[in-house]
Amino acid sequence: WLNFIRVVDAADAVAHAVVLGGRVLVEPRIDRHGGKVAVVADPTGAPV
């Protein structure tokens, strides 16, 4: 299972995650509802 948190801007959130020590697992992409989704790992490696 993978859980998603709502963000205002996925690209900005990904950039912020990297600044905070996270890693990008899936770059932001358009989802079928028209918004963007992405997957990052926090500094301990937990995907979100």
All heavy atoms as atom14 arrays in JSON, in Angstrom:
{
  "sequence": "WLNFIRVVDAADAVAHAVVLGGRVLVEPRIDRHGGKVAVVADPTGAPV",
  "atom14_mask": [
    [1, 1, 1, 1, 1, 1, 1, 1, 1, 1, 1, 1, 1, 1],
    [1, 1, 1, 1, 1, 1, 1, 1, 0, 0, 0, 0, 0, 0],
    [1, 1, 1, 1, 1, 1, 1, 1, 0, 0, 0, 0, 0, 0],
    [1, 1, 1, 1, 1, 1, 1, 1, 1, 1, 1, 0, 0, 0],
    [1, 1, 1, 1, 1, 1, 1, 1, 0, 0, 0, 0, 0, 0],
    [1, 1, 1, 1, 1, 1, 1, 1, 1, 1, 1, 0, 0, 0],
    [1, 1, 1, 1, 1, 1, 1, 0, 0, 0, 0, 0, 0, 0],
    [1, 1, 1, 1, 1, 1, 1, 0, 0, 0, 0, 0, 0, 0],
    [1, 1, 1, 1, 1, 1, 1, 1, 0, 0, 0, 0, 0, 0],
    [1, 1, 1, 1, 1, 0, 0, 0, 0, 0, 0, 0, 0, 0],
    [1, 1, 1, 1, 1, 0, 0, 0, 0, 0, 0, 0, 0, 0],
    [1, 1, 1, 1, 1, 1, 1, 1, 0, 0, 0, 0, 0, 0],
    [1, 1, 1, 1, 1, 0, 0, 0, 0, 0, 0, 0, 0, 0],
    [1, 1, 1, 1, 1, 1, 1, 0, 0, 0, 0, 0, 0, 0],
    [1, 1, 1, 1, 1, 0, 0, 0, 0, 0, 0, 0, 0, 0],
    [1, 1, 1, 1, 1, 1, 1, 1, 1, 1, 0, 0, 0, 0],
    [1, 1, 1, 1, 1, 0, 0, 0, 0, 0, 0, 0, 0, 0],
    [1, 1, 1, 1, 1, 1, 1, 0, 0, 0, 0, 0, 0, 0],
    [1, 1, 1, 1, 1, 1, 1, 0, 0, 0, 0, 0, 0, 0],
    [1, 1, 1, 1, 1, 1, 1, 1, 0, 0, 0, 0, 0, 0],
    [1, 1, 1, 1, 0, 0, 0, 0, 0, 0, 0, 0, 0, 0],
    [1, 1, 1, 1, 0, 0, 0, 0, 0, 0, 0, 0, 0, 0],
    [1, 1, 1, 1, 1, 1, 1, 1, 1, 1, 1, 0, 0, 0],
    [1, 1, 1, 1, 1, 1, 1, 0, 0, 0, 0, 0, 0, 0],
    [1, 1, 1, 1, 1, 1, 1, 1, 0, 0, 0, 0, 0, 0],
    [1, 1, 1, 1, 1, 1, 1, 0, 0, 0, 0, 0, 0, 0],
    [1, 1, 1, 1, 1, 1, 1, 1, 1, 0, 0, 0, 0, 0],
    [1, 1, 1, 1, 1, 1, 1, 0, 0, 0, 0, 0, 0, 0],
    [1, 1, 1, 1, 1, 1, 1, 1, 1, 1, 1, 0, 0, 0],
    [1, 1, 1, 1, 1, 1, 1, 1, 0, 0, 0, 0, 0, 0],
    [1, 1, 1, 1, 1, 1, 1, 1, 0, 0, 0, 0, 0, 0],
    [1, 1, 1, 1, 1, 1, 1, 1, 1, 1, 1, 0, 0, 0],
    [1, 1, 1, 1, 1, 1, 1, 1, 1, 1, 0, 0, 0, 0],
    [1, 1, 1, 1, 0, 0, 0, 0, 0, 0, 0, 0, 0, 0],
    [1, 1, 1, 1, 0, 0, 0, 0, 0, 0, 0, 0, 0, 0],
    [1, 1, 1, 1, 1, 1, 1, 1, 1, 0, 0, 0, 0, 0],
    [1, 1, 1, 1, 1, 1, 1, 0, 0, 0, 0, 0, 0, 0],
    [1, 1, 1, 1, 1, 0, 0, 0, 0, 0, 0, 0, 0, 0],
    [1, 1, 1, 1, 1, 1, 1, 0, 0, 0, 0, 0, 0, 0],
    [1, 1, 1, 1, 1, 1, 1, 0, 0, 0, 0, 0, 0, 0],
    [1, 1, 1, 1, 1, 0, 0, 0, 0, 0, 0, 0, 0, 0],
    [1, 1, 1, 1, 1, 1, 1, 1, 0, 0, 0, 0, 0, 0],
    [1, 1, 1, 1, 1, 1, 1, 0, 0, 0, 0, 0, 0, 0],
    [1, 1, 1, 1, 1, 1, 1, 0, 0, 0, 0, 0, 0, 0],
    [1, 1, 1, 1, 0, 0, 0, 0, 0, 0, 0, 0, 0, 0],
    [1, 1, 1, 1, 1, 0, 0, 0, 0, 0, 0, 0, 0, 0],
    [1, 1, 1, 1, 1, 1, 1, 0, 0, 0, 0, 0, 0, 0],
    [1, 1, 1, 1, 1, 1, 1, 0, 0, 0, 0, 0, 0, 0]
  ],
  "atom14_positions": [
    [[0.84, -1.19, 0.0], [0.0, 0.0, 0.0], [0.88, 1.25, 0.0], [1.94, 1.28, 0.62], [-0.89, 0.02, 1.25], [-2.09, -0.87, 1.15], [-2.18, -2.16, 1.6], [-3.36, -0.54, 0.59], [-3.44, -2.67, 1.34], [-4.18, -1.68, 0.73], [-3.88, 0.6, -0.01], [-5.5, -1.71, 0.29], [-5.19, 0.58, -0.45], [-5.99, -0.56, -0.31]],
    [[0.42, 2.28, -0.71], [1.08, 3.58, -0.72], [0.03, 4.65, -0.42], [-1.01, 4.69, -1.07], [1.72, 3.85, -2.09], [2.39, 5.21, -2.27], [3.6, 5.34, -1.35], [2.81, 5.43, -3.73], [0.0, 0.0, 0.0], [0.0, 0.0, 0.0], [0.0, 0.0, 0.0], [0.0, 0.0, 0.0], [0.0, 0.0, 0.0], [0.0, 0.0, 0.0]],
    [[0.32, 5.48, 0.57], [-0.63, 6.52, 0.99], [-0.2, 7.88, 0.47], [0.99, 8.19, 0.41], [-0.72, 6.54, 2.51], [-1.11, 5.18, 3.07], [-2.16, 4.66, 2.73], [-0.26, 4.61, 3.9], [0.0, 0.0, 0.0], [0.0, 0.0, 0.0], [0.0, 0.0, 0.0], [0.0, 0.0, 0.0], [0.0, 0.0, 0.0], [0.0, 0.0, 0.0]],
    [[-1.19, 8.7, 0.12], [-0.94, 10.02, -0.48], [-1.44, 11.13, 0.44], [-2.53, 11.04, 1.02], [-1.65, 10.14, -1.83], [-1.03, 9.33, -2.92], [-1.29, 7.97, -3.02], [-0.18, 9.91, -3.85], [-0.72, 7.21, -4.03], [0.4, 9.15, -4.86], [0.13, 7.79, -4.95], [0.0, 0.0, 0.0], [0.0, 0.0, 0.0], [0.0, 0.0, 0.0]],
    [[-0.65, 12.19, 0.53], [-1.01, 13.4, 1.26], [-1.34, 14.49, 0.25], [-0.63, 14.66, -0.76], [0.13, 13.84, 2.19], [0.32, 12.79, 3.28], [-0.14, 15.21, 2.79], [1.49, 13.06, 4.19], [0.0, 0.0, 0.0], [0.0, 0.0, 0.0], [0.0, 0.0, 0.0], [0.0, 0.0, 0.0], [0.0, 0.0, 0.0], [0.0, 0.0, 0.0]],
    [[-2.41, 15.21, 0.51], [-2.78, 16.3, -0.4], [-1.8, 17.46, -0.26], [-1.47, 17.89, 0.86], [-4.2, 16.79, -0.11], [-4.67, 17.86, -1.1], [-6.05, 18.35, -0.78], [-6.44, 19.43, -1.68], [-7.54, 20.17, -1.55], [-8.39, 19.94, -0.55], [-7.8, 21.13, -2.41], [0.0, 0.0, 0.0], [0.0, 0.0, 0.0], [0.0, 0.0, 0.0]],
    [[-1.35, 17.99, -1.4], [-0.48, 19.16, -1.43], [-1.05, 20.16, -2.43], [-1.83, 19.79, -3.32], [0.97, 18.78, -1.83], [1.59, 17.87, -0.78], [1.02, 18.12, -3.2], [0.0, 0.0, 0.0], [0.0, 0.0, 0.0], [0.0, 0.0, 0.0], [0.0, 0.0, 0.0], [0.0, 0.0, 0.0], [0.0, 0.0, 0.0], [0.0, 0.0, 0.0]],
    [[-0.66, 21.4, -2.29], [-1.14, 22.43, -3.2], [-0.45, 22.32, -4.56], [-1.08, 22.47, -5.6], [-0.92, 23.83, -2.59], [-1.3, 24.92, -3.59], [-1.72, 23.98, -1.3], [0.0, 0.0, 0.0], [0.0, 0.0, 0.0], [0.0, 0.0, 0.0], [0.0, 0.0, 0.0], [0.0, 0.0, 0.0], [0.0, 0.0, 0.0], [0.0, 0.0, 0.0]],
    [[0.84, 22.04, -4.54], [1.62, 21.95, -5.77], [2.62, 20.81, -5.61], [3.53, 20.88, -4.78], [2.34, 23.27, -6.03], [3.05, 23.3, -7.38], [3.98, 22.47, -7.58], [2.71, 24.16, -8.21], [0.0, 0.0, 0.0], [0.0, 0.0, 0.0], [0.0, 0.0, 0.0], [0.0, 0.0, 0.0], [0.0, 0.0, 0.0], [0.0, 0.0, 0.0]],
    [[2.45, 19.74, -6.39], [3.29, 18.55, -6.24], [4.75, 18.85, -6.55], [5.65, 18.36, -5.86], [2.78, 17.43, -7.14], [0.0, 0.0, 0.0], [0.0, 0.0, 0.0], [0.0, 0.0, 0.0], [0.0, 0.0, 0.0], [0.0, 0.0, 0.0], [0.0, 0.0, 0.0], [0.0, 0.0, 0.0], [0.0, 0.0, 0.0], [0.0, 0.0, 0.0]],
    [[5.01, 19.65, -7.57], [6.39, 19.96, -7.93], [7.08, 20.74, -6.81], [8.24, 20.46, -6.46], [6.43, 20.75, -9.24], [0.0, 0.0, 0.0], [0.0, 0.0, 0.0], [0.0, 0.0, 0.0], [0.0, 0.0, 0.0], [0.0, 0.0, 0.0], [0.0, 0.0, 0.0], [0.0, 0.0, 0.0], [0.0, 0.0, 0.0], [0.0, 0.0, 0.0]],
    [[6.39, 21.71, -6.24], [6.96, 22.48, -5.14], [7.19, 21.58, -3.92], [8.21, 21.7, -3.22], [6.04, 23.64, -4.76], [6.07, 24.77, -5.77], [6.96, 24.76, -6.65], [5.19, 25.66, -5.69], [0.0, 0.0, 0.0], [0.0, 0.0, 0.0], [0.0, 0.0, 0.0], [0.0, 0.0, 0.0], [0.0, 0.0, 0.0], [0.0, 0.0, 0.0]],
    [[6.24, 20.68, -3.67], [6.36, 19.79, -2.52], [7.55, 18.85, -2.68], [8.28, 18.56, -1.72], [5.07, 18.99, -2.33], [0.0, 0.0, 0.0], [0.0, 0.0, 0.0], [0.0, 0.0, 0.0], [0.0, 0.0, 0.0], [0.0, 0.0, 0.0], [0.0, 0.0, 0.0], [0.0, 0.0, 0.0], [0.0, 0.0, 0.0], [0.0, 0.0, 0.0]],
    [[7.78, 18.36, -3.89], [8.92, 17.49, -4.16], [10.23, 18.24, -3.92], [11.15, 17.72, -3.28], [8.85, 16.93, -5.59], [10.2, 16.36, -6.02], [7.78, 15.87, -5.7], [0.0, 0.0, 0.0], [0.0, 0.0, 0.0], [0.0, 0.0, 0.0], [0.0, 0.0, 0.0], [0.0, 0.0, 0.0], [0.0, 0.0, 0.0], [0.0, 0.0, 0.0]],
    [[10.31, 19.45, -4.41], [11.52, 20.25, -4.21], [11.76, 20.51, -2.72], [12.91, 20.46, -2.25], [11.39, 21.58, -4.96], [0.0, 0.0, 0.0], [0.0, 0.0, 0.0], [0.0, 0.0, 0.0], [0.0, 0.0, 0.0], [0.0, 0.0, 0.0], [0.0, 0.0, 0.0], [0.0, 0.0, 0.0], [0.0, 0.0, 0.0], [0.0, 0.0, 0.0]],
    [[10.69, 20.76, -1.99], [10.82, 21.01, -0.55], [11.28, 19.74, 0.17], [12.1, 19.79, 1.09], [9.48, 21.47, 0.0], [9.54, 22.01, 1.4], [10.56, 22.8, 1.86], [8.69, 21.85, 2.45], [10.35, 23.11, 3.12], [9.22, 22.54, 3.51], [0.0, 0.0, 0.0], [0.0, 0.0, 0.0], [0.0, 0.0, 0.0], [0.0, 0.0, 0.0]],
    [[10.76, 18.58, -0.27], [11.17, 17.3, 0.34], [12.66, 17.08, 0.17], [13.34, 16.61, 1.1], [10.38, 16.15, -0.29], [0.0, 0.0, 0.0], [0.0, 0.0, 0.0], [0.0, 0.0, 0.0], [0.0, 0.0, 0.0], [0.0, 0.0, 0.0], [0.0, 0.0, 0.0], [0.0, 0.0, 0.0], [0.0, 0.0, 0.0], [0.0, 0.0, 0.0]],
    [[13.19, 17.4, -0.99], [14.63, 17.22, -1.24], [15.44, 18.14, -0.34], [16.46, 17.72, 0.24], [14.94, 17.47, -2.73], [16.45, 17.48, -2.96], [14.27, 16.4, -3.59], [0.0, 0.0, 0.0], [0.0, 0.0, 0.0], [0.0, 0.0, 0.0], [0.0, 0.0, 0.0], [0.0, 0.0, 0.0], [0.0, 0.0, 0.0], [0.0, 0.0, 0.0]],
    [[15.0, 19.37, -0.18], [15.71, 20.31, 0.7], [15.74, 19.77, 2.14], [16.73, 19.95, 2.86], [15.02, 21.7, 0.66], [15.57, 22.6, 1.75], [15.22, 22.33, -0.71], [0.0, 0.0, 0.0], [0.0, 0.0, 0.0], [0.0, 0.0, 0.0], [0.0, 0.0, 0.0], [0.0, 0.0, 0.0], [0.0, 0.0, 0.0], [0.0, 0.0, 0.0]],
    [[14.68, 19.07, 2.53], [14.58, 18.55, 3.9], [15.27, 17.2, 4.07], [15.19, 16.6, 5.14], [13.1, 18.42, 4.29], [12.34, 19.74, 4.41], [10.85, 19.48, 4.63], [12.88, 20.58, 5.57], [0.0, 0.0, 0.0], [0.0, 0.0, 0.0], [0.0, 0.0, 0.0], [0.0, 0.0, 0.0], [0.0, 0.0, 0.0], [0.0, 0.0, 0.0]],
    [[15.94, 16.73, 3.03], [16.68, 15.48, 3.15], [16.01, 14.27, 2.56], [16.5, 13.15, 2.72], [0.0, 0.0, 0.0], [0.0, 0.0, 0.0], [0.0, 0.0, 0.0], [0.0, 0.0, 0.0], [0.0, 0.0, 0.0], [0.0, 0.0, 0.0], [0.0, 0.0, 0.0], [0.0, 0.0, 0.0], [0.0, 0.0, 0.0], [0.0, 0.0, 0.0]],
    [[14.88, 14.46, 1.87], [14.19, 13.34, 1.25], [14.73, 13.03, -0.13], [15.62, 13.73, -0.65], [0.0, 0.0, 0.0], [0.0, 0.0, 0.0], [0.0, 0.0, 0.0], [0.0, 0.0, 0.0], [0.0, 0.0, 0.0], [0.0, 0.0, 0.0], [0.0, 0.0, 0.0], [0.0, 0.0, 0.0], [0.0, 0.0, 0.0], [0.0, 0.0, 0.0]],
    [[14.2, 11.97, -0.73], [14.59, 11.56, -2.08], [13.36, 11.45, -2.96], [12.28, 11.09, -2.49], [15.29, 10.19, -2.06], [16.63, 10.18, -1.37], [17.28, 8.79, -1.48], [16.51, 7.77, -0.79], [15.9, 6.74, -1.37], [15.92, 6.61, -2.69], [15.25, 5.84, -0.66], [0.0, 0.0, 0.0], [0.0, 0.0, 0.0], [0.0, 0.0, 0.0]],
    [[13.52, 11.72, -4.24], [12.42, 11.6, -5.19], [12.41, 10.18, -5.73], [13.39, 9.7, -6.29], [12.58, 12.61, -6.35], [11.4, 12.48, -7.3], [12.67, 14.03, -5.81], [0.0, 0.0, 0.0], [0.0, 0.0, 0.0], [0.0, 0.0, 0.0], [0.0, 0.0, 0.0], [0.0, 0.0, 0.0], [0.0, 0.0, 0.0], [0.0, 0.0, 0.0]],
    [[11.28, 9.49, -5.56], [11.12, 8.14, -6.09], [10.36, 8.14, -7.41], [10.67, 7.37, -8.31], [10.4, 7.24, -5.08], [11.09, 7.11, -3.71], [10.26, 6.23, -2.79], [12.5, 6.55, -3.85], [0.0, 0.0, 0.0], [0.0, 0.0, 0.0], [0.0, 0.0, 0.0], [0.0, 0.0, 0.0], [0.0, 0.0, 0.0], [0.0, 0.0, 0.0]],
    [[9.35, 8.99, -7.51], [8.59, 9.17, -8.75], [8.43, 10.67, -8.98], [7.83, 11.37, -8.15], [7.2, 8.5, -8.69], [6.44, 8.74, -9.98], [7.35, 6.99, -8.42], [0.0, 0.0, 0.0], [0.0, 0.0, 0.0], [0.0, 0.0, 0.0], [0.0, 0.0, 0.0], [0.0, 0.0, 0.0], [0.0, 0.0, 0.0], [0.0, 0.0, 0.0]],
    [[8.96, 11.17, -10.07], [8.85, 12.59, -10.39], [7.39, 12.99, -10.59], [6.56, 12.15, -10.98], [9.65, 12.91, -11.65], [11.16, 12.73, -11.52], [11.81, 13.88, -10.78], [11.1, 14.86, -10.46], [13.03, 13.8, -10.53], [0.0, 0.0, 0.0], [0.0, 0.0, 0.0], [0.0, 0.0, 0.0], [0.0, 0.0, 0.0], [0.0, 0.0, 0.0]],
    [[7.04, 14.25, -10.35], [5.66, 14.69, -10.55], [5.17, 14.39, -11.97], [5.88, 14.61, -12.95], [5.73, 16.21, -10.32], [6.91, 16.38, -9.41], [7.9, 15.33, -9.83], [0.0, 0.0, 0.0], [0.0, 0.0, 0.0], [0.0, 0.0, 0.0], [0.0, 0.0, 0.0], [0.0, 0.0, 0.0], [0.0, 0.0, 0.0], [0.0, 0.0, 0.0]],
    [[3.96, 13.87, -12.05], [3.36, 13.55, -13.35], [1.86, 13.79, -13.27], [1.27, 13.81, -12.19], [3.62, 12.1, -13.74], [3.06, 11.06, -12.77], [3.26, 9.65, -13.27], [2.77, 8.64, -12.35], [1.5, 8.3, -12.21], [0.57, 8.92, -12.92], [1.14, 7.36, -11.35], [0.0, 0.0, 0.0], [0.0, 0.0, 0.0], [0.0, 0.0, 0.0]],
    [[1.26, 13.98, -14.42], [-0.18, 14.23, -14.47], [-0.94, 12.95, -14.15], [-0.69, 11.9, -14.76], [-0.6, 14.77, -15.86], [0.14, 16.07, -16.16], [-2.11, 14.99, -15.91], [-0.21, 17.21, -15.25], [0.0, 0.0, 0.0], [0.0, 0.0, 0.0], [0.0, 0.0, 0.0], [0.0, 0.0, 0.0], [0.0, 0.0, 0.0], [0.0, 0.0, 0.0]],
    [[-1.88, 13.03, -13.22], [-2.73, 11.9, -12.88], [-4.0, 11.96, -13.72], [-4.27, 12.95, -14.41], [-3.05, 11.93, -11.39], [-3.63, 10.63, -10.9], [-3.33, 9.58, -11.48], [-4.41, 10.66, -9.92], [0.0, 0.0, 0.0], [0.0, 0.0, 0.0], [0.0, 0.0, 0.0], [0.0, 0.0, 0.0], [0.0, 0.0, 0.0], [0.0, 0.0, 0.0]],
    [[-4.81, 10.88, -13.64], [-6.01, 10.87, -14.5], [-7.05, 11.92, -14.11], [-7.87, 12.29, -14.94], [-6.7, 9.5, -14.57], [-6.5, 8.57, -13.53], [-7.19, 7.23, -13.83], [-6.26, 6.25, -14.33], [-5.31, 5.71, -13.59], [-5.17, 6.08, -12.35], [-4.52, 4.83, -14.1], [0.0, 0.0, 0.0], [0.0, 0.0, 0.0], [0.0, 0.0, 0.0]],
    [[-7.03, 12.43, -12.87], [-8.01, 13.47, -12.52], [-7.53, 14.86, -12.92], [-8.23, 15.85, -12.71], [-8.34, 13.43, -11.02], [-7.2, 13.76, -10.13], [-6.78, 15.04, -9.89], [-6.36, 12.97, -9.4], [-5.77, 15.05, -9.06], [-5.48, 13.81, -8.75], [0.0, 0.0, 0.0], [0.0, 0.0, 0.0], [0.0, 0.0, 0.0], [0.0, 0.0, 0.0]],
    [[-6.32, 14.95, -13.51], [-5.85, 16.23, -14.04], [-4.82, 16.93, -13.19], [-4.14, 17.83, -13.67], [0.0, 0.0, 0.0], [0.0, 0.0, 0.0], [0.0, 0.0, 0.0], [0.0, 0.0, 0.0], [0.0, 0.0, 0.0], [0.0, 0.0, 0.0], [0.0, 0.0, 0.0], [0.0, 0.0, 0.0], [0.0, 0.0, 0.0], [0.0, 0.0, 0.0]],
    [[-4.7, 16.56, -11.92], [-3.67, 17.12, -11.06], [-2.38, 16.33, -11.21], [-2.24, 15.47, -12.07], [0.0, 0.0, 0.0], [0.0, 0.0, 0.0], [0.0, 0.0, 0.0], [0.0, 0.0, 0.0], [0.0, 0.0, 0.0], [0.0, 0.0, 0.0], [0.0, 0.0, 0.0], [0.0, 0.0, 0.0], [0.0, 0.0, 0.0], [0.0, 0.0, 0.0]],
    [[-1.42, 16.63, -10.35], [-0.15, 15.93, -10.41], [0.03, 15.06, -9.16], [-0.46, 15.39, -8.08], [1.01, 16.92, -10.5], [1.14, 17.61, -11.84], [2.36, 18.52, -11.86], [2.5, 19.21, -13.22], [3.69, 20.11, -13.25], [0.0, 0.0, 0.0], [0.0, 0.0, 0.0], [0.0, 0.0, 0.0], [0.0, 0.0, 0.0], [0.0, 0.0, 0.0]],
    [[0.74, 13.94, -9.35], [1.12, 13.08, -8.23], [2.62, 12.86, -8.3], [3.25, 12.97, -9.36], [0.38, 11.73, -8.27], [-1.11, 11.92, -8.08], [0.66, 10.98, -9.56], [0.0, 0.0, 0.0], [0.0, 0.0, 0.0], [0.0, 0.0, 0.0], [0.0, 0.0, 0.0], [0.0, 0.0, 0.0], [0.0, 0.0, 0.0], [0.0, 0.0, 0.0]],
    [[3.2, 12.53, -7.16], [4.62, 12.22, -7.07], [4.81, 11.32, -5.86], [3.92, 11.19, -5.01], [5.46, 13.49, -6.93], [0.0, 0.0, 0.0], [0.0, 0.0, 0.0], [0.0, 0.0, 0.0], [0.0, 0.0, 0.0], [0.0, 0.0, 0.0], [0.0, 0.0, 0.0], [0.0, 0.0, 0.0], [0.0, 0.0, 0.0], [0.0, 0.0, 0.0]],
    [[5.97, 10.68, -5.78], [6.29, 9.85, -4.62], [7.69, 10.23, -4.16], [8.62, 10.33, -4.96], [6.25, 8.34, -4.96], [6.55, 7.52, -3.7], [4.88, 7.96, -5.53], [0.0, 0.0, 0.0], [0.0, 0.0, 0.0], [0.0, 0.0, 0.0], [0.0, 0.0, 0.0], [0.0, 0.0, 0.0], [0.0, 0.0, 0.0], [0.0, 0.0, 0.0]],
    [[7.82, 10.46, -2.86], [9.12, 10.77, -2.27], [9.38, 9.8, -1.12], [8.47, 9.13, -0.63], [9.19, 12.23, -1.77], [9.02, 13.2, -2.91], [8.15, 12.48, -0.67], [0.0, 0.0, 0.0], [0.0, 0.0, 0.0], [0.0, 0.0, 0.0], [0.0, 0.0, 0.0], [0.0, 0.0, 0.0], [0.0, 0.0, 0.0], [0.0, 0.0, 0.0]],
    [[10.64, 9.73, -0.69], [11.0, 9.0, 0.51], [11.52, 10.01, 1.52], [12.28, 10.91, 1.17], [12.06, 7.95, 0.21], [0.0, 0.0, 0.0], [0.0, 0.0, 0.0], [0.0, 0.0, 0.0], [0.0, 0.0, 0.0], [0.0, 0.0, 0.0], [0.0, 0.0, 0.0], [0.0, 0.0, 0.0], [0.0, 0.0, 0.0], [0.0, 0.0, 0.0]],
    [[11.1, 9.87, 2.77], [11.6, 10.78, 3.79], [13.04, 10.41, 4.14], [13.58, 9.43, 3.61], [10.66, 10.78, 5.01], [10.67, 9.48, 5.8], [11.66, 8.72, 5.73], [9.68, 9.23, 6.52], [0.0, 0.0, 0.0], [0.0, 0.0, 0.0], [0.0, 0.0, 0.0], [0.0, 0.0, 0.0], [0.0, 0.0, 0.0], [0.0, 0.0, 0.0]],
    [[13.71, 11.16, 5.0], [15.13, 10.87, 5.28], [15.4, 9.48, 5.85], [16.53, 8.99, 5.78], [15.51, 11.96, 6.3], [14.61, 13.11, 5.95], [13.31, 12.46, 5.59], [0.0, 0.0, 0.0], [0.0, 0.0, 0.0], [0.0, 0.0, 0.0], [0.0, 0.0, 0.0], [0.0, 0.0, 0.0], [0.0, 0.0, 0.0], [0.0, 0.0, 0.0]],
    [[14.38, 8.81, 6.41], [14.57, 7.44, 6.9], [14.29, 6.4, 5.83], [14.49, 5.21, 6.05], [13.66, 7.15, 8.11], [12.3, 7.03, 7.68], [13.78, 8.25, 9.15], [0.0, 0.0, 0.0], [0.0, 0.0, 0.0], [0.0, 0.0, 0.0], [0.0, 0.0, 0.0], [0.0, 0.0, 0.0], [0.0, 0.0, 0.0], [0.0, 0.0, 0.0]],
    [[13.75, 6.84, 4.67], [13.46, 5.92, 3.58], [12.01, 5.56, 3.42], [11.65, 4.81, 2.5], [0.0, 0.0, 0.0], [0.0, 0.0, 0.0], [0.0, 0.0, 0.0], [0.0, 0.0, 0.0], [0.0, 0.0, 0.0], [0.0, 0.0, 0.0], [0.0, 0.0, 0.0], [0.0, 0.0, 0.0], [0.0, 0.0, 0.0], [0.0, 0.0, 0.0]],
    [[11.12, 6.04, 4.28], [9.69, 5.7, 4.18], [9.05, 6.41, 3.0], [9.07, 7.64, 2.93], [8.97, 6.09, 5.47], [0.0, 0.0, 0.0], [0.0, 0.0, 0.0], [0.0, 0.0, 0.0], [0.0, 0.0, 0.0], [0.0, 0.0, 0.0], [0.0, 0.0, 0.0], [0.0, 0.0, 0.0], [0.0, 0.0, 0.0], [0.0, 0.0, 0.0]],
    [[8.47, 5.67, 2.05], [7.84, 6.3, 0.89], [6.51, 6.96, 1.26], [5.77, 6.46, 2.12], [7.6, 5.14, -0.08], [8.4, 3.99, 0.46], [8.47, 4.21, 1.93], [0.0, 0.0, 0.0], [0.0, 0.0, 0.0], [0.0, 0.0, 0.0], [0.0, 0.0, 0.0], [0.0, 0.0, 0.0], [0.0, 0.0, 0.0], [0.0, 0.0, 0.0]],
    [[6.18, 8.05, 0.62], [4.89, 8.71, 0.79], [4.52, 9.37, -0.53], [5.37, 9.92, -1.24], [4.93, 9.74, 1.94], [5.9, 10.87, 1.64], [3.54, 10.29, 2.22], [0.0, 0.0, 0.0], [0.0, 0.0, 0.0], [0.0, 0.0, 0.0], [0.0, 0.0, 0.0], [0.0, 0.0, 0.0], [0.0, 0.0, 0.0], [0.0, 0.0, 0.0]]
  ]
}
